[in-house]
All heavy atoms as atom14 arrays in JSON, in Angstrom:
{
  "sequence": "SDTVMNAADGFLKIPMYGFTESLNISVSAAIILQSVVSKMKQHKVNWQ",
  "atom14_mask": [
    [1, 1, 1, 1, 1, 1, 0, 0, 0, 0, 0, 0, 0, 0],
    [1, 1, 1, 1, 1, 1, 1, 1, 0, 0, 0, 0, 0, 0],
    [1, 1, 1, 1, 1, 1, 1, 0, 0, 0, 0, 0, 0, 0],
    [1, 1, 1, 1, 1, 1, 1, 0, 0, 0, 0, 0, 0, 0],
    [1, 1, 1, 1, 1, 1, 1, 1, 0, 0, 0, 0, 0, 0],
    [1, 1, 1, 1, 1, 1, 1, 1, 0, 0, 0, 0, 0, 0],
    [1, 1, 1, 1, 1, 0, 0, 0, 0, 0, 0, 0, 0, 0],
    [1, 1, 1, 1, 1, 0, 0, 0, 0, 0, 0, 0, 0, 0],
    [1, 1, 1, 1, 1, 1, 1, 1, 0, 0, 0, 0, 0, 0],
    [1, 1, 1, 1, 0, 0, 0, 0, 0, 0, 0, 0, 0, 0],
    [1, 1, 1, 1, 1, 1, 1, 1, 1, 1, 1, 0, 0, 0],
    [1, 1, 1, 1, 1, 1, 1, 1, 0, 0, 0, 0, 0, 0],
    [1, 1, 1, 1, 1, 1, 1, 1, 1, 0, 0, 0, 0, 0],
    [1, 1, 1, 1, 1, 1, 1, 1, 0, 0, 0, 0, 0, 0],
    [1, 1, 1, 1, 1, 1, 1, 0, 0, 0, 0, 0, 0, 0],
    [1, 1, 1, 1, 1, 1, 1, 1, 0, 0, 0, 0, 0, 0],
    [1, 1, 1, 1, 1, 1, 1, 1, 1, 1, 1, 1, 0, 0],
    [1, 1, 1, 1, 0, 0, 0, 0, 0, 0, 0, 0, 0, 0],
    [1, 1, 1, 1, 1, 1, 1, 1, 1, 1, 1, 0, 0, 0],
    [1, 1, 1, 1, 1, 1, 1, 0, 0, 0, 0, 0, 0, 0],
    [1, 1, 1, 1, 1, 1, 1, 1, 1, 0, 0, 0, 0, 0],
    [1, 1, 1, 1, 1, 1, 0, 0, 0, 0, 0, 0, 0, 0],
    [1, 1, 1, 1, 1, 1, 1, 1, 0, 0, 0, 0, 0, 0],
    [1, 1, 1, 1, 1, 1, 1, 1, 0, 0, 0, 0, 0, 0],
    [1, 1, 1, 1, 1, 1, 1, 1, 0, 0, 0, 0, 0, 0],
    [1, 1, 1, 1, 1, 1, 0, 0, 0, 0, 0, 0, 0, 0],
    [1, 1, 1, 1, 1, 1, 1, 0, 0, 0, 0, 0, 0, 0],
    [1, 1, 1, 1, 1, 1, 0, 0, 0, 0, 0, 0, 0, 0],
    [1, 1, 1, 1, 1, 0, 0, 0, 0, 0, 0, 0, 0, 0],
    [1, 1, 1, 1, 1, 0, 0, 0, 0, 0, 0, 0, 0, 0],
    [1, 1, 1, 1, 1, 1, 1, 1, 0, 0, 0, 0, 0, 0],
    [1, 1, 1, 1, 1, 1, 1, 1, 0, 0, 0, 0, 0, 0],
    [1, 1, 1, 1, 1, 1, 1, 1, 0, 0, 0, 0, 0, 0],
    [1, 1, 1, 1, 1, 1, 1, 1, 1, 0, 0, 0, 0, 0],
    [1, 1, 1, 1, 1, 1, 0, 0, 0, 0, 0, 0, 0, 0],
    [1, 1, 1, 1, 1, 1, 1, 0, 0, 0, 0, 0, 0, 0],
    [1, 1, 1, 1, 1, 1, 1, 0, 0, 0, 0, 0, 0, 0],
    [1, 1, 1, 1, 1, 1, 0, 0, 0, 0, 0, 0, 0, 0],
    [1, 1, 1, 1, 1, 1, 1, 1, 1, 0, 0, 0, 0, 0],
    [1, 1, 1, 1, 1, 1, 1, 1, 0, 0, 0, 0, 0, 0],
    [1, 1, 1, 1, 1, 1, 1, 1, 1, 0, 0, 0, 0, 0],
    [1, 1, 1, 1, 1, 1, 1, 1, 1, 0, 0, 0, 0, 0],
    [1, 1, 1, 1, 1, 1, 1, 1, 1, 1, 0, 0, 0, 0],
    [1, 1, 1, 1, 1, 1, 1, 1, 1, 0, 0, 0, 0, 0],
    [1, 1, 1, 1, 1, 1, 1, 0, 0, 0, 0, 0, 0, 0],
    [1, 1, 1, 1, 1, 1, 1, 1, 0, 0, 0, 0, 0, 0],
    [1, 1, 1, 1, 1, 1, 1, 1, 1, 1, 1, 1, 1, 1],
    [1, 1, 1, 1, 1, 1, 1, 1, 1, 0, 0, 0, 0, 0]
  ],
  "atom14_positions": [
    [[181.26, -123.67, -39.09], [180.39, -124.56, -39.85], [180.37, -125.96, -39.25], [181.24, -126.33, -38.45], [180.87, -124.64, -41.3], [182.15, -125.28, -41.35], [0.0, 0.0, 0.0], [0.0, 0.0, 0.0], [0.0, 0.0, 0.0], [0.0, 0.0, 0.0], [0.0, 0.0, 0.0], [0.0, 0.0, 0.0], [0.0, 0.0, 0.0], [0.0, 0.0, 0.0]],
    [[179.39, -126.75, -39.68], [179.31, -128.14, -39.24], [180.54, -128.92, -39.7], [180.98, -129.86, -39.03], [178.05, -128.81, -39.79], [176.78, -128.3, -39.12], [176.89, -127.72, -38.02], [175.7, -128.46, -39.71], [0.0, 0.0, 0.0], [0.0, 0.0, 0.0], [0.0, 0.0, 0.0], [0.0, 0.0, 0.0], [0.0, 0.0, 0.0], [0.0, 0.0, 0.0]],
    [[181.1, -128.52, -40.84], [182.29, -129.2, -41.36], [183.44, -129.13, -40.37], [184.11, -130.12, -40.09], [182.73, -128.58, -42.71], [181.65, -128.67, -43.64], [183.96, -129.3, -43.27], [0.0, 0.0, 0.0], [0.0, 0.0, 0.0], [0.0, 0.0, 0.0], [0.0, 0.0, 0.0], [0.0, 0.0, 0.0], [0.0, 0.0, 0.0], [0.0, 0.0, 0.0]],
    [[183.67, -127.93, -39.82], [184.74, -127.76, -38.83], [184.38, -128.47, -37.54], [185.22, -129.17, -36.95], [185.0, -126.27, -38.56], [186.05, -126.11, -37.46], [185.46, -125.56, -39.83], [0.0, 0.0, 0.0], [0.0, 0.0, 0.0], [0.0, 0.0, 0.0], [0.0, 0.0, 0.0], [0.0, 0.0, 0.0], [0.0, 0.0, 0.0], [0.0, 0.0, 0.0]],
    [[183.15, -128.32, -37.1], [182.74, -128.91, -35.83], [182.86, -130.43, -35.87], [183.29, -131.07, -34.9], [181.31, -128.5, -35.49], [181.13, -127.0, -35.28], [182.06, -126.36, -33.87], [181.02, -126.93, -32.52], [0.0, 0.0, 0.0], [0.0, 0.0, 0.0], [0.0, 0.0, 0.0], [0.0, 0.0, 0.0], [0.0, 0.0, 0.0], [0.0, 0.0, 0.0]],
    [[182.51, -131.02, -37.01], [182.58, -132.48, -37.14], [184.02, -132.98, -37.29], [184.33, -134.11, -36.91], [181.75, -132.95, -38.33], [180.25, -132.75, -38.12], [179.78, -132.75, -36.99], [179.51, -132.56, -39.2], [0.0, 0.0, 0.0], [0.0, 0.0, 0.0], [0.0, 0.0, 0.0], [0.0, 0.0, 0.0], [0.0, 0.0, 0.0], [0.0, 0.0, 0.0]],
    [[184.87, -132.13, -37.84], [186.27, -132.53, -38.05], [187.16, -132.23, -36.86], [188.28, -132.74, -36.78], [186.82, -131.82, -39.29], [0.0, 0.0, 0.0], [0.0, 0.0, 0.0], [0.0, 0.0, 0.0], [0.0, 0.0, 0.0], [0.0, 0.0, 0.0], [0.0, 0.0, 0.0], [0.0, 0.0, 0.0], [0.0, 0.0, 0.0], [0.0, 0.0, 0.0]],
    [[186.67, -131.44, -35.94], [187.5, -130.96, -34.82], [188.0, -132.09, -33.93], [187.27, -133.03, -33.62], [186.72, -129.95, -34.0], [0.0, 0.0, 0.0], [0.0, 0.0, 0.0], [0.0, 0.0, 0.0], [0.0, 0.0, 0.0], [0.0, 0.0, 0.0], [0.0, 0.0, 0.0], [0.0, 0.0, 0.0], [0.0, 0.0, 0.0], [0.0, 0.0, 0.0]],
    [[189.26, -131.95, -33.52], [189.85, -132.88, -32.56], [189.57, -132.44, -31.13], [189.73, -133.22, -30.19], [191.36, -132.95, -32.77], [191.72, -133.4, -34.18], [191.34, -134.51, -34.55], [192.37, -132.62, -34.91], [0.0, 0.0, 0.0], [0.0, 0.0, 0.0], [0.0, 0.0, 0.0], [0.0, 0.0, 0.0], [0.0, 0.0, 0.0], [0.0, 0.0, 0.0]],
    [[189.17, -131.18, -30.99], [188.88, -130.65, -29.66], [188.14, -129.33, -29.77], [188.08, -128.71, -30.83], [0.0, 0.0, 0.0], [0.0, 0.0, 0.0], [0.0, 0.0, 0.0], [0.0, 0.0, 0.0], [0.0, 0.0, 0.0], [0.0, 0.0, 0.0], [0.0, 0.0, 0.0], [0.0, 0.0, 0.0], [0.0, 0.0, 0.0], [0.0, 0.0, 0.0]],
    [[187.54, -128.94, -28.65], [186.76, -127.7, -28.59], [187.29, -126.85, -27.44], [187.64, -127.36, -26.39], [185.27, -128.0, -28.38], [184.7, -128.92, -29.43], [184.68, -130.29, -29.23], [184.2, -128.41, -30.61], [184.16, -131.15, -30.19], [183.69, -129.25, -31.59], [183.67, -130.63, -31.38], [0.0, 0.0, 0.0], [0.0, 0.0, 0.0], [0.0, 0.0, 0.0]],
    [[187.33, -125.56, -27.67], [187.93, -124.65, -26.69], [187.03, -123.46, -26.46], [186.49, -122.88, -27.41], [189.3, -124.18, -27.21], [190.11, -123.25, -26.3], [190.52, -123.97, -25.03], [191.36, -122.74, -27.05], [0.0, 0.0, 0.0], [0.0, 0.0, 0.0], [0.0, 0.0, 0.0], [0.0, 0.0, 0.0], [0.0, 0.0, 0.0], [0.0, 0.0, 0.0]],
    [[186.88, -123.09, -25.18], [186.06, -121.91, -24.9], [186.7, -121.03, -23.84], [187.48, -121.48, -23.0], [184.65, -122.32, -24.45], [184.57, -123.05, -23.11], [183.11, -123.38, -22.8], [182.96, -124.17, -21.5], [181.55, -124.53, -21.24], [0.0, 0.0, 0.0], [0.0, 0.0, 0.0], [0.0, 0.0, 0.0], [0.0, 0.0, 0.0], [0.0, 0.0, 0.0]],
    [[186.36, -119.77, -23.92], [186.81, -118.77, -22.95], [185.74, -118.68, -21.86], [184.56, -118.47, -22.16], [186.97, -117.39, -23.62], [188.0, -117.47, -24.74], [187.34, -116.33, -22.6], [188.02, -116.24, -25.64], [0.0, 0.0, 0.0], [0.0, 0.0, 0.0], [0.0, 0.0, 0.0], [0.0, 0.0, 0.0], [0.0, 0.0, 0.0], [0.0, 0.0, 0.0]],
    [[186.11, -118.85, -20.6], [185.11, -118.72, -19.53], [184.48, -117.33, -19.53], [185.2, -116.32, -19.65], [185.92, -118.95, -18.26], [187.14, -119.69, -18.7], [187.44, -119.18, -20.07], [0.0, 0.0, 0.0], [0.0, 0.0, 0.0], [0.0, 0.0, 0.0], [0.0, 0.0, 0.0], [0.0, 0.0, 0.0], [0.0, 0.0, 0.0], [0.0, 0.0, 0.0]],
    [[183.18, -117.26, -19.46], [182.47, -115.98, -19.43], [181.44, -116.0, -18.3], [180.81, -117.03, -18.07], [181.81, -115.7, -20.78], [182.81, -115.34, -21.87], [182.07, -115.04, -23.49], [181.99, -116.7, -24.15], [0.0, 0.0, 0.0], [0.0, 0.0, 0.0], [0.0, 0.0, 0.0], [0.0, 0.0, 0.0], [0.0, 0.0, 0.0], [0.0, 0.0, 0.0]],
    [[181.28, -114.87, -17.64], [180.47, -114.85, -16.42], [179.34, -113.83, -16.44], [178.68, -113.59, -15.42], [181.38, -114.58, -15.21], [182.59, -115.48, -15.18], [183.85, -115.01, -15.55], [182.47, -116.83, -14.82], [184.95, -115.85, -15.55], [183.57, -117.67, -14.81], [184.81, -117.17, -15.17], [185.91, -118.0, -15.17], [0.0, 0.0, 0.0], [0.0, 0.0, 0.0]],
    [[179.11, -113.24, -17.61], [178.07, -112.22, -17.7], [176.89, -112.71, -18.52], [176.74, -113.9, -18.8], [0.0, 0.0, 0.0], [0.0, 0.0, 0.0], [0.0, 0.0, 0.0], [0.0, 0.0, 0.0], [0.0, 0.0, 0.0], [0.0, 0.0, 0.0], [0.0, 0.0, 0.0], [0.0, 0.0, 0.0], [0.0, 0.0, 0.0], [0.0, 0.0, 0.0]],
    [[176.03, -111.77, -18.93], [174.86, -112.1, -19.74], [175.26, -112.38, -21.19], [174.62, -113.18, -21.86], [173.85, -110.95, -19.7], [173.24, -110.75, -18.33], [173.62, -109.67, -17.55], [172.3, -111.64, -17.83], [173.07, -109.48, -16.29], [171.73, -111.46, -16.57], [172.13, -110.38, -15.8], [0.0, 0.0, 0.0], [0.0, 0.0, 0.0], [0.0, 0.0, 0.0]],
    [[176.3, -111.71, -21.66], [176.74, -111.88, -23.04], [177.39, -113.25, -23.22], [178.22, -113.66, -22.42], [177.76, -110.78, -23.42], [177.17, -109.51, -23.2], [178.18, -110.91, -24.87], [0.0, 0.0, 0.0], [0.0, 0.0, 0.0], [0.0, 0.0, 0.0], [0.0, 0.0, 0.0], [0.0, 0.0, 0.0], [0.0, 0.0, 0.0], [0.0, 0.0, 0.0]],
    [[176.99, -113.96, -24.28], [177.45, -115.33, -24.48], [178.54, -115.47, -25.53], [179.0, -116.58, -25.81], [176.26, -116.22, -24.86], [175.22, -116.32, -23.75], [174.08, -117.24, -24.13], [173.99, -117.63, -25.32], [173.27, -117.58, -23.25], [0.0, 0.0, 0.0], [0.0, 0.0, 0.0], [0.0, 0.0, 0.0], [0.0, 0.0, 0.0], [0.0, 0.0, 0.0]],
    [[178.96, -114.36, -26.13], [180.0, -114.46, -27.15], [180.83, -113.19, -27.19], [180.43, -112.15, -26.67], [179.37, -114.69, -28.54], [178.58, -113.58, -28.92], [0.0, 0.0, 0.0], [0.0, 0.0, 0.0], [0.0, 0.0, 0.0], [0.0, 0.0, 0.0], [0.0, 0.0, 0.0], [0.0, 0.0, 0.0], [0.0, 0.0, 0.0], [0.0, 0.0, 0.0]],
    [[182.01, -113.32, -27.79], [182.92, -112.19, -27.94], [183.2, -111.95, -29.42], [183.09, -112.87, -30.24], [184.25, -112.48, -27.22], [184.23, -112.52, -25.7], [185.52, -113.17, -25.2], [184.09, -111.12, -25.13], [0.0, 0.0, 0.0], [0.0, 0.0, 0.0], [0.0, 0.0, 0.0], [0.0, 0.0, 0.0], [0.0, 0.0, 0.0], [0.0, 0.0, 0.0]],
    [[183.57, -110.75, -29.75], [184.03, -110.45, -31.1], [185.21, -111.38, -31.44], [186.03, -111.67, -30.57], [184.45, -108.98, -31.17], [185.04, -108.61, -32.5], [186.22, -108.84, -32.74], [184.24, -108.04, -33.38], [0.0, 0.0, 0.0], [0.0, 0.0, 0.0], [0.0, 0.0, 0.0], [0.0, 0.0, 0.0], [0.0, 0.0, 0.0], [0.0, 0.0, 0.0]],
    [[185.29, -111.83, -32.69], [186.32, -112.8, -33.08], [187.72, -112.3, -32.8], [188.58, -113.06, -32.33], [186.16, -113.17, -34.58], [187.3, -114.1, -35.01], [186.1, -111.95, -35.46], [187.22, -114.54, -36.44], [0.0, 0.0, 0.0], [0.0, 0.0, 0.0], [0.0, 0.0, 0.0], [0.0, 0.0, 0.0], [0.0, 0.0, 0.0], [0.0, 0.0, 0.0]],
    [[187.99, -111.02, -33.04], [189.35, -110.52, -32.82], [189.69, -110.47, -31.34], [190.83, -110.71, -30.94], [189.53, -109.13, -33.44], [188.64, -108.2, -32.89], [0.0, 0.0, 0.0], [0.0, 0.0, 0.0], [0.0, 0.0, 0.0], [0.0, 0.0, 0.0], [0.0, 0.0, 0.0], [0.0, 0.0, 0.0], [0.0, 0.0, 0.0], [0.0, 0.0, 0.0]],
    [[188.69, -110.21, -30.5], [188.88, -110.22, -29.05], [189.13, -111.65, -28.58], [190.04, -111.91, -27.78], [187.67, -109.6, -28.32], [187.84, -109.73, -26.81], [187.5, -108.14, -28.71], [0.0, 0.0, 0.0], [0.0, 0.0, 0.0], [0.0, 0.0, 0.0], [0.0, 0.0, 0.0], [0.0, 0.0, 0.0], [0.0, 0.0, 0.0], [0.0, 0.0, 0.0]],
    [[188.33, -112.59, -29.09], [188.5, -114.0, -28.72], [189.9, -114.5, -29.1], [190.57, -115.18, -28.32], [187.45, -114.86, -29.42], [186.16, -114.56, -28.98], [0.0, 0.0, 0.0], [0.0, 0.0, 0.0], [0.0, 0.0, 0.0], [0.0, 0.0, 0.0], [0.0, 0.0, 0.0], [0.0, 0.0, 0.0], [0.0, 0.0, 0.0], [0.0, 0.0, 0.0]],
    [[190.33, -114.14, -30.31], [191.65, -114.57, -30.77], [192.75, -114.02, -29.87], [193.7, -114.73, -29.52], [191.87, -114.13, -32.22], [0.0, 0.0, 0.0], [0.0, 0.0, 0.0], [0.0, 0.0, 0.0], [0.0, 0.0, 0.0], [0.0, 0.0, 0.0], [0.0, 0.0, 0.0], [0.0, 0.0, 0.0], [0.0, 0.0, 0.0], [0.0, 0.0, 0.0]],
    [[192.62, -112.76, -29.48], [193.63, -112.14, -28.62], [193.7, -112.82, -27.26], [194.79, -113.1, -26.74], [193.33, -110.65, -28.46], [0.0, 0.0, 0.0], [0.0, 0.0, 0.0], [0.0, 0.0, 0.0], [0.0, 0.0, 0.0], [0.0, 0.0, 0.0], [0.0, 0.0, 0.0], [0.0, 0.0, 0.0], [0.0, 0.0, 0.0], [0.0, 0.0, 0.0]],
    [[192.55, -113.09, -26.67], [192.51, -113.73, -25.35], [193.12, -115.14, -25.42], [193.94, -115.52, -24.58], [191.07, -113.79, -24.81], [190.57, -112.37, -24.49], [190.99, -114.67, -23.56], [189.1, -112.3, -24.15], [0.0, 0.0, 0.0], [0.0, 0.0, 0.0], [0.0, 0.0, 0.0], [0.0, 0.0, 0.0], [0.0, 0.0, 0.0], [0.0, 0.0, 0.0]],
    [[192.71, -115.91, -26.43], [193.19, -117.28, -26.55], [194.68, -117.33, -26.84], [195.43, -118.09, -26.2], [192.39, -118.03, -27.65], [190.96, -118.31, -27.13], [193.09, -119.33, -28.05], [190.03, -118.9, -28.17], [0.0, 0.0, 0.0], [0.0, 0.0, 0.0], [0.0, 0.0, 0.0], [0.0, 0.0, 0.0], [0.0, 0.0, 0.0], [0.0, 0.0, 0.0]],
    [[195.15, -116.52, -27.79], [196.57, -116.56, -28.14], [197.45, -116.09, -27.0], [198.53, -116.66, -26.76], [196.82, -115.73, -29.4], [196.22, -116.28, -30.69], [196.58, -115.39, -31.87], [196.69, -117.72, -30.95], [0.0, 0.0, 0.0], [0.0, 0.0, 0.0], [0.0, 0.0, 0.0], [0.0, 0.0, 0.0], [0.0, 0.0, 0.0], [0.0, 0.0, 0.0]],
    [[197.03, -115.07, -26.29], [197.82, -114.6, -25.14], [197.99, -115.72, -24.13], [199.08, -115.93, -23.59], [197.17, -113.38, -24.51], [198.06, -112.63, -23.52], [198.11, -113.28, -22.15], [197.17, -113.94, -21.74], [199.23, -113.11, -21.46], [0.0, 0.0, 0.0], [0.0, 0.0, 0.0], [0.0, 0.0, 0.0], [0.0, 0.0, 0.0], [0.0, 0.0, 0.0]],
    [[196.91, -116.45, -23.89], [196.94, -117.52, -22.89], [197.8, -118.69, -23.34], [198.71, -119.13, -22.62], [195.52, -118.0, -22.6], [195.53, -119.1, -21.71], [0.0, 0.0, 0.0], [0.0, 0.0, 0.0], [0.0, 0.0, 0.0], [0.0, 0.0, 0.0], [0.0, 0.0, 0.0], [0.0, 0.0, 0.0], [0.0, 0.0, 0.0], [0.0, 0.0, 0.0]],
    [[197.54, -119.21, -24.54], [198.25, -120.43, -24.97], [199.73, -120.16, -25.27], [200.58, -121.02, -24.99], [197.55, -121.09, -26.18], [196.14, -121.53, -25.8], [197.55, -120.19, -27.4], [0.0, 0.0, 0.0], [0.0, 0.0, 0.0], [0.0, 0.0, 0.0], [0.0, 0.0, 0.0], [0.0, 0.0, 0.0], [0.0, 0.0, 0.0], [0.0, 0.0, 0.0]],
    [[200.04, -118.98, -25.81], [201.45, -118.67, -26.09], [202.24, -118.51, -24.79], [203.37, -118.98, -24.67], [201.56, -117.41, -26.98], [203.01, -116.92, -27.05], [201.05, -117.7, -28.38], [0.0, 0.0, 0.0], [0.0, 0.0, 0.0], [0.0, 0.0, 0.0], [0.0, 0.0, 0.0], [0.0, 0.0, 0.0], [0.0, 0.0, 0.0], [0.0, 0.0, 0.0]],
    [[201.64, -117.85, -23.81], [202.31, -117.69, -22.52], [202.58, -119.04, -21.87], [203.69, -119.29, -21.37], [201.46, -116.82, -21.58], [201.34, -115.51, -22.08], [0.0, 0.0, 0.0], [0.0, 0.0, 0.0], [0.0, 0.0, 0.0], [0.0, 0.0, 0.0], [0.0, 0.0, 0.0], [0.0, 0.0, 0.0], [0.0, 0.0, 0.0], [0.0, 0.0, 0.0]],
    [[201.58, -119.95, -21.89], [201.76, -121.28, -21.32], [202.79, -122.09, -22.1], [203.61, -122.8, -21.52], [200.42, -122.03, -21.3], [199.46, -121.55, -20.23], [198.13, -122.28, -20.31], [198.27, -123.76, -20.03], [196.96, -124.47, -20.07], [0.0, 0.0, 0.0], [0.0, 0.0, 0.0], [0.0, 0.0, 0.0], [0.0, 0.0, 0.0], [0.0, 0.0, 0.0]],
    [[202.75, -121.96, -23.42], [203.68, -122.68, -24.28], [205.13, -122.36, -23.92], [205.99, -123.25, -23.85], [203.4, -122.32, -25.74], [204.39, -122.87, -26.75], [204.16, -122.1, -28.39], [204.89, -120.45, -28.1], [0.0, 0.0, 0.0], [0.0, 0.0, 0.0], [0.0, 0.0, 0.0], [0.0, 0.0, 0.0], [0.0, 0.0, 0.0], [0.0, 0.0, 0.0]],
    [[205.41, -121.09, -23.68], [206.78, -120.66, -23.4], [207.23, -121.05, -21.99], [208.41, -121.01, -21.7], [206.91, -119.15, -23.63], [206.76, -118.78, -25.09], [207.08, -117.33, -25.37], [207.01, -117.04, -26.87], [207.41, -115.67, -27.2], [0.0, 0.0, 0.0], [0.0, 0.0, 0.0], [0.0, 0.0, 0.0], [0.0, 0.0, 0.0], [0.0, 0.0, 0.0]],
    [[206.28, -121.43, -21.15], [206.62, -121.85, -19.8], [206.82, -123.37, -19.71], [207.31, -123.87, -18.71], [205.51, -121.43, -18.82], [205.4, -119.92, -18.65], [204.14, -119.51, -17.89], [203.36, -120.37, -17.47], [203.94, -118.22, -17.75], [0.0, 0.0, 0.0], [0.0, 0.0, 0.0], [0.0, 0.0, 0.0], [0.0, 0.0, 0.0], [0.0, 0.0, 0.0]],
    [[206.44, -124.08, -20.78], [206.56, -125.53, -20.8], [207.71, -125.96, -21.71], [208.2, -125.18, -22.52], [205.25, -126.17, -21.29], [204.15, -126.11, -20.27], [203.56, -124.92, -19.87], [203.53, -127.09, -19.57], [202.62, -125.17, -18.97], [202.6, -126.47, -18.77], [0.0, 0.0, 0.0], [0.0, 0.0, 0.0], [0.0, 0.0, 0.0], [0.0, 0.0, 0.0]],
    [[208.11, -127.22, -21.57], [209.18, -127.76, -22.41], [208.57, -128.2, -23.74], [208.36, -129.38, -24.0], [209.87, -128.92, -21.71], [210.67, -128.49, -20.47], [211.38, -129.67, -19.85], [212.19, -129.23, -18.63], [212.89, -130.36, -17.98], [0.0, 0.0, 0.0], [0.0, 0.0, 0.0], [0.0, 0.0, 0.0], [0.0, 0.0, 0.0], [0.0, 0.0, 0.0]],
    [[208.29, -127.2, -24.58], [207.7, -127.44, -25.89], [208.65, -126.91, -26.95], [209.18, -125.81, -26.83], [206.33, -126.72, -26.02], [205.75, -126.92, -27.4], [205.36, -127.22, -24.95], [0.0, 0.0, 0.0], [0.0, 0.0, 0.0], [0.0, 0.0, 0.0], [0.0, 0.0, 0.0], [0.0, 0.0, 0.0], [0.0, 0.0, 0.0], [0.0, 0.0, 0.0]],
    [[208.88, -127.7, -27.98], [209.76, -127.27, -29.07], [208.96, -126.36, -30.01], [208.48, -126.79, -31.06], [210.31, -128.49, -29.83], [211.29, -128.1, -30.92], [211.87, -127.02, -30.89], [211.46, -128.98, -31.89], [0.0, 0.0, 0.0], [0.0, 0.0, 0.0], [0.0, 0.0, 0.0], [0.0, 0.0, 0.0], [0.0, 0.0, 0.0], [0.0, 0.0, 0.0]],
    [[208.83, -125.11, -29.63], [207.92, -124.2, -30.33], [208.61, -123.27, -31.33], [207.95, -122.67, -32.18], [207.15, -123.34, -29.33], [208.02, -122.52, -28.41], [208.46, -122.88, -27.17], [208.55, -121.21, -28.66], [209.24, -121.88, -26.63], [209.3, -120.83, -27.52], [208.46, -120.31, -29.72], [209.96, -119.61, -27.41], [209.11, -119.09, -29.63], [209.84, -118.75, -28.49]],
    [[209.93, -123.15, -31.26], [210.61, -122.18, -32.1], [210.76, -122.66, -33.55], [210.72, -123.85, -33.83], [211.98, -121.84, -31.52], [211.89, -121.04, -30.23], [213.26, -120.65, -29.69], [214.08, -121.51, -29.44], [213.48, -119.36, -29.5], [0.0, 0.0, 0.0], [0.0, 0.0, 0.0], [0.0, 0.0, 0.0], [0.0, 0.0, 0.0], [0.0, 0.0, 0.0]]
  ]
}
């Protein structure tokens, strides 16, 4: 919604290279979480 978009501190997208411009929400969540969690555990972040 516009409420979220206007309140957002940042915007994030998954690079896509085909004709399709969007992914199913559960697929998007899986791709994003796999990426950010893997990076988080490789950095000095107090995540536990």
